[in-house]
Amino acid sequence: MLPIHHMVGAAPQPVAPFSHAVEADGWVFVTGQMPTLPEDPEAPLPEGIEAQTARVMENLKLVLAGVDLGLENVTFMRVYLTEFKRDYAAMNETYKAFFPEGKLPGRTCVGVSGLAVDALVEIDLVARRP
């Protein structure tokens, strides 16, 4: 079975050449989302790690909704932070608020030297269809 490449109209405009999500055998791989506004990709990014994390999570929800899934279908996430030591704790507090208690996906979080659009955070994920 060939992969299905999804572009989601309600999701943020891509900042590079990619599909919002690619699906294969019930697995859905969602491209890392940035803290850009879906309706205005040129708008300034939200200030601070909490606001940027919340915007990224909302953007991920838009992509998931566009392929008829939600955060409850997520199995694994990867978080990339440009200021790991400074922002790790605050990002975690914002991030975990998007999930019910005890229902967190697997996750890796790494520090990186830079991200597109000078973002502080980027998050990608893997989901599975029921």
C-alpha atoms as a PDB file:
ATOM      1  CA  MET A   1       0.000   0.000   0.000  1.00  0.00           C
ATOM      2  CA  LEU A   2       1.390   3.412  -0.965  1.00  0.00           C
ATOM      3  CA  PRO A   3       1.614   6.182   1.634  1.00  0.00           C
ATOM      4  CA  ILE A   4      -1.102   8.827   1.682  1.00  0.00           C
ATOM      5  CA  HIS A   5       0.196  12.396   1.724  1.00  0.00           C
ATOM      6  CA  HIS A   6      -2.089  14.831   3.553  1.00  0.00           C
ATOM      7  CA  MET A   7      -2.206  18.606   3.225  1.00  0.00           C
ATOM      8  CA  VAL A   8      -4.671  20.129   5.708  1.00  0.00           C
ATOM      9  CA  GLY A   9      -6.301  23.385   4.623  1.00  0.00           C
ATOM     10  CA  ALA A  10      -6.947  24.613   8.176  1.00  0.00           C
ATOM     11  CA  ALA A  11      -3.379  23.907   9.318  1.00  0.00           C
ATOM     12  CA  PRO A  12      -0.535  26.415   9.184  1.00  0.00           C
ATOM     13  CA  GLN A  13       1.125  27.068   5.872  1.00  0.00           C
ATOM     14  CA  PRO A  14       4.260  24.908   5.571  1.00  0.00           C
ATOM     15  CA  VAL A  15       7.565  26.713   6.176  1.00  0.00           C
ATOM     16  CA  ALA A  16       9.400  24.190   3.958  1.00  0.00           C
ATOM     17  CA  PRO A  17       8.547  21.589   1.282  1.00  0.00           C
ATOM     18  CA  PHE A  18       6.621  18.885   3.179  1.00  0.00           C
ATOM     19  CA  SER A  19       3.227  17.264   3.677  1.00  0.00           C
ATOM     20  CA  HIS A  20       1.415  18.060   6.914  1.00  0.00           C
ATOM     21  CA  ALA A  21       1.090  14.325   7.514  1.00  0.00           C
ATOM     22  CA  VAL A  22       1.936  11.065   5.792  1.00  0.00           C
ATOM     23  CA  GLU A  23      -0.068   7.940   6.506  1.00  0.00           C
ATOM     24  CA  ALA A  24       0.994   4.340   6.024  1.00  0.00           C
ATOM     25  CA  ASP A  25      -0.794   1.224   7.274  1.00  0.00           C
ATOM     26  CA  GLY A  26      -2.784   3.174   9.874  1.00  0.00           C
ATOM     27  CA  TRP A  27       0.240   5.058  11.200  1.00  0.00           C
ATOM     28  CA  VAL A  28       0.165   8.825  10.757  1.00  0.00           C
ATOM     29  CA  PHE A  29       3.417  10.788  10.867  1.00  0.00           C
ATOM     30  CA  VAL A  30       2.801  14.488  11.454  1.00  0.00           C
ATOM     31  CA  THR A  31       5.488  16.934  10.394  1.00  0.00           C
ATOM     32  CA  GLY A  32       6.902  19.171  13.104  1.00  0.00           C
ATOM     33  CA  GLN A  33       4.735  22.208  13.666  1.00  0.00           C
ATOM     34  CA  MET A  34       5.949  25.705  14.403  1.00  0.00           C
ATOM     35  CA  PRO A  35       4.273  28.359  16.592  1.00  0.00           C
ATOM     36  CA  THR A  36       2.932  30.225  13.548  1.00  0.00           C
ATOM     37  CA  LEU A  37      -0.660  31.386  13.221  1.00  0.00           C
ATOM     38  CA  PRO A  38      -2.592  29.330  10.657  1.00  0.00           C
ATOM     39  CA  GLU A  39      -4.490  32.380   9.417  1.00  0.00           C
ATOM     40  CA  ASP A  40      -1.436  34.686   9.262  1.00  0.00           C
ATOM     41  CA  PRO A  41       1.918  32.921   8.771  1.00  0.00           C
ATOM     42  CA  GLU A  42       3.730  36.274   8.584  1.00  0.00           C
ATOM     43  CA  ALA A  43       2.488  37.441  12.017  1.00  0.00           C
ATOM     44  CA  PRO A  44       5.082  37.695  14.794  1.00  0.00           C
ATOM     45  CA  LEU A  45       5.480  34.504  16.817  1.00  0.00           C
ATOM     46  CA  PRO A  46       3.911  34.404  20.277  1.00  0.00           C
ATOM     47  CA  GLU A  47       6.329  35.588  22.954  1.00  0.00           C
ATOM     48  CA  GLY A  48       7.802  33.092  25.387  1.00  0.00           C
ATOM     49  CA  ILE A  49       8.015  29.330  25.551  1.00  0.00           C
ATOM     50  CA  GLU A  50       4.589  28.835  27.154  1.00  0.00           C
ATOM     51  CA  ALA A  51       2.771  30.730  24.388  1.00  0.00           C
ATOM     52  CA  GLN A  52       4.837  29.110  21.648  1.00  0.00           C
ATOM     53  CA  THR A  53       4.290  25.613  23.056  1.00  0.00           C
ATOM     54  CA  ALA A  54       0.536  26.206  23.277  1.00  0.00           C
ATOM     55  CA  ARG A  55       0.441  27.469  19.666  1.00  0.00           C
ATOM     56  CA  VAL A  56       2.441  24.463  18.427  1.00  0.00           C
ATOM     57  CA  MET A  57       0.087  22.070  20.238  1.00  0.00           C
ATOM     58  CA  GLU A  58      -2.952  23.826  18.756  1.00  0.00           C
ATOM     59  CA  ASN A  59      -1.376  23.575  15.301  1.00  0.00           C
ATOM     60  CA  LEU A  60      -0.779  19.849  15.820  1.00  0.00           C
ATOM     61  CA  LYS A  61      -4.430  19.472  16.811  1.00  0.00           C
ATOM     62  CA  LEU A  62      -5.436  21.200  13.547  1.00  0.00           C
ATOM     63  CA  VAL A  63      -3.369  18.763  11.488  1.00  0.00           C
ATOM     64  CA  LEU A  64      -4.728  15.789  13.410  1.00  0.00           C
ATOM     65  CA  ALA A  65      -8.319  17.013  13.026  1.00  0.00           C
ATOM     66  CA  GLY A  66      -7.703  17.383   9.303  1.00  0.00           C
ATOM     67  CA  VAL A  67      -7.052  13.634   9.102  1.00  0.00           C
ATOM     68  CA  ASP A  68      -9.905  12.774  11.511  1.00  0.00           C
ATOM     69  CA  LEU A  69      -7.700  12.095  14.536  1.00  0.00           C
ATOM     70  CA  GLY A  70      -6.997  13.803  17.860  1.00  0.00           C
ATOM     71  CA  LEU A  71      -4.348  13.921  20.559  1.00  0.00           C
ATOM     72  CA  GLU A  72      -5.854  10.757  22.055  1.00  0.00           C
ATOM     73  CA  ASN A  73      -4.510   8.889  18.982  1.00  0.00           C
ATOM     74  CA  VAL A  74      -0.923  10.061  19.479  1.00  0.00           C
ATOM     75  CA  THR A  75       1.602   7.368  20.380  1.00  0.00           C
ATOM     76  CA  PHE A  76       4.862   9.340  20.320  1.00  0.00           C
ATOM     77  CA  MET A  77       6.043  12.957  20.156  1.00  0.00           C
ATOM     78  CA  ARG A  78       9.381  14.675  19.670  1.00  0.00           C
ATOM     79  CA  VAL A  79      10.027  18.135  21.098  1.00  0.00           C
ATOM     80  CA  TYR A  80      12.860  20.356  19.909  1.00  0.00           C
ATOM     81  CA  LEU A  81      13.937  23.317  22.075  1.00  0.00           C
ATOM     82  CA  THR A  82      16.450  26.021  21.173  1.00  0.00           C
ATOM     83  CA  GLU A  83      16.934  27.031  24.842  1.00  0.00           C
ATOM     84  CA  PHE A  84      16.753  23.643  26.539  1.00  0.00           C
ATOM     85  CA  LYS A  85      17.931  24.536  30.051  1.00  0.00           C
ATOM     86  CA  ARG A  86      15.909  27.737  30.222  1.00  0.00           C
ATOM     87  CA  ASP A  87      12.658  26.463  28.657  1.00  0.00           C
ATOM     88  CA  TYR A  88      12.392  22.744  29.496  1.00  0.00           C
ATOM     89  CA  ALA A  89      10.361  23.024  32.715  1.00  0.00           C
ATOM     90  CA  ALA A  90       7.979  25.694  31.404  1.00  0.00           C
ATOM     91  CA  MET A  91       7.437  23.819  28.128  1.00  0.00           C
ATOM     92  CA  ASN A  92       6.606  20.648  30.093  1.00  0.00           C
ATOM     93  CA  GLU A  93       3.961  22.442  32.163  1.00  0.00           C
ATOM     94  CA  THR A  94       2.225  23.793  29.065  1.00  0.00           C
ATOM     95  CA  TYR A  95       2.612  20.542  27.108  1.00  0.00           C
ATOM     96  CA  LYS A  96       1.157  18.226  29.746  1.00  0.00           C
ATOM     97  CA  ALA A  97      -1.986  20.370  30.083  1.00  0.00           C
ATOM     98  CA  PHE A  98      -3.065  19.138  26.626  1.00  0.00           C
ATOM     99  CA  PHE A  99      -3.455  15.534  27.820  1.00  0.00           C
ATOM    100  CA  PRO A 100      -5.635  13.791  30.412  1.00  0.00           C
ATOM    101  CA  GLU A 101      -3.840  12.699  33.571  1.00  0.00           C
ATOM    102  CA  GLY A 102      -1.975   9.451  32.965  1.00  0.00           C
ATOM    103  CA  LYS A 103      -2.537   9.498  29.174  1.00  0.00           C
ATOM    104  CA  LEU A 104       0.736  11.008  27.944  1.00  0.00           C
ATOM    105  CA  PRO A 105       2.298   9.669  24.735  1.00  0.00           C
ATOM    106  CA  GLY A 106       5.893   8.484  24.610  1.00  0.00           C
ATOM    107  CA  ARG A 107       8.254  11.389  24.025  1.00  0.00           C
ATOM    108  CA  THR A 108      11.783  12.546  23.306  1.00  0.00           C
ATOM    109  CA  CYS A 109      12.900  16.129  23.965  1.00  0.00           C
ATOM    110  CA  VAL A 110      16.155  17.482  22.603  1.00  0.00           C
ATOM    111  CA  GLY A 111      18.005  20.766  22.544  1.00  0.00           C
ATOM    112  CA  VAL A 112      18.844  22.122  19.098  1.00  0.00           C
ATOM    113  CA  SER A 113      20.906  25.040  17.828  1.00  0.00           C
ATOM    114  CA  GLY A 114      18.102  26.596  15.801  1.00  0.00           C
ATOM    115  CA  LEU A 115      14.631  26.128  14.311  1.00  0.00           C
ATOM    116  CA  ALA A 116      12.778  27.537  11.311  1.00  0.00           C
ATOM    117  CA  VAL A 117      11.206  30.991  11.722  1.00  0.00           C
ATOM    118  CA  ASP A 118      13.409  31.504  14.822  1.00  0.00           C
ATOM    119  CA  ALA A 119      10.968  29.489  16.916  1.00  0.00           C
ATOM    120  CA  LEU A 120      11.793  28.415  20.465  1.00  0.00           C
ATOM    121  CA  VAL A 121       9.988  25.067  20.046  1.00  0.00           C
ATOM    122  CA  GLU A 122       8.916  22.599  17.374  1.00  0.00           C
ATOM    123  CA  ILE A 123       6.995  19.359  17.960  1.00  0.00           C
ATOM    124  CA  ASP A 124       6.286  16.428  15.640  1.00  0.00           C
ATOM    125  CA  LEU A 125       4.355  13.264  16.354  1.00  0.00           C
ATOM    126  CA  VAL A 126       3.257   9.790  15.373  1.00  0.00           C
ATOM    127  CA  ALA A 127      -0.389   8.757  15.704  1.00  0.00           C
ATOM    128  CA  ARG A 128      -2.224   5.508  15.044  1.00  0.00           C
ATOM    129  CA  ARG A 129      -5.704   5.061  13.630  1.00  0.00           C
ATOM    130  CA  PRO A 130      -8.027   3.056  15.894  1.00  0.00           C
END
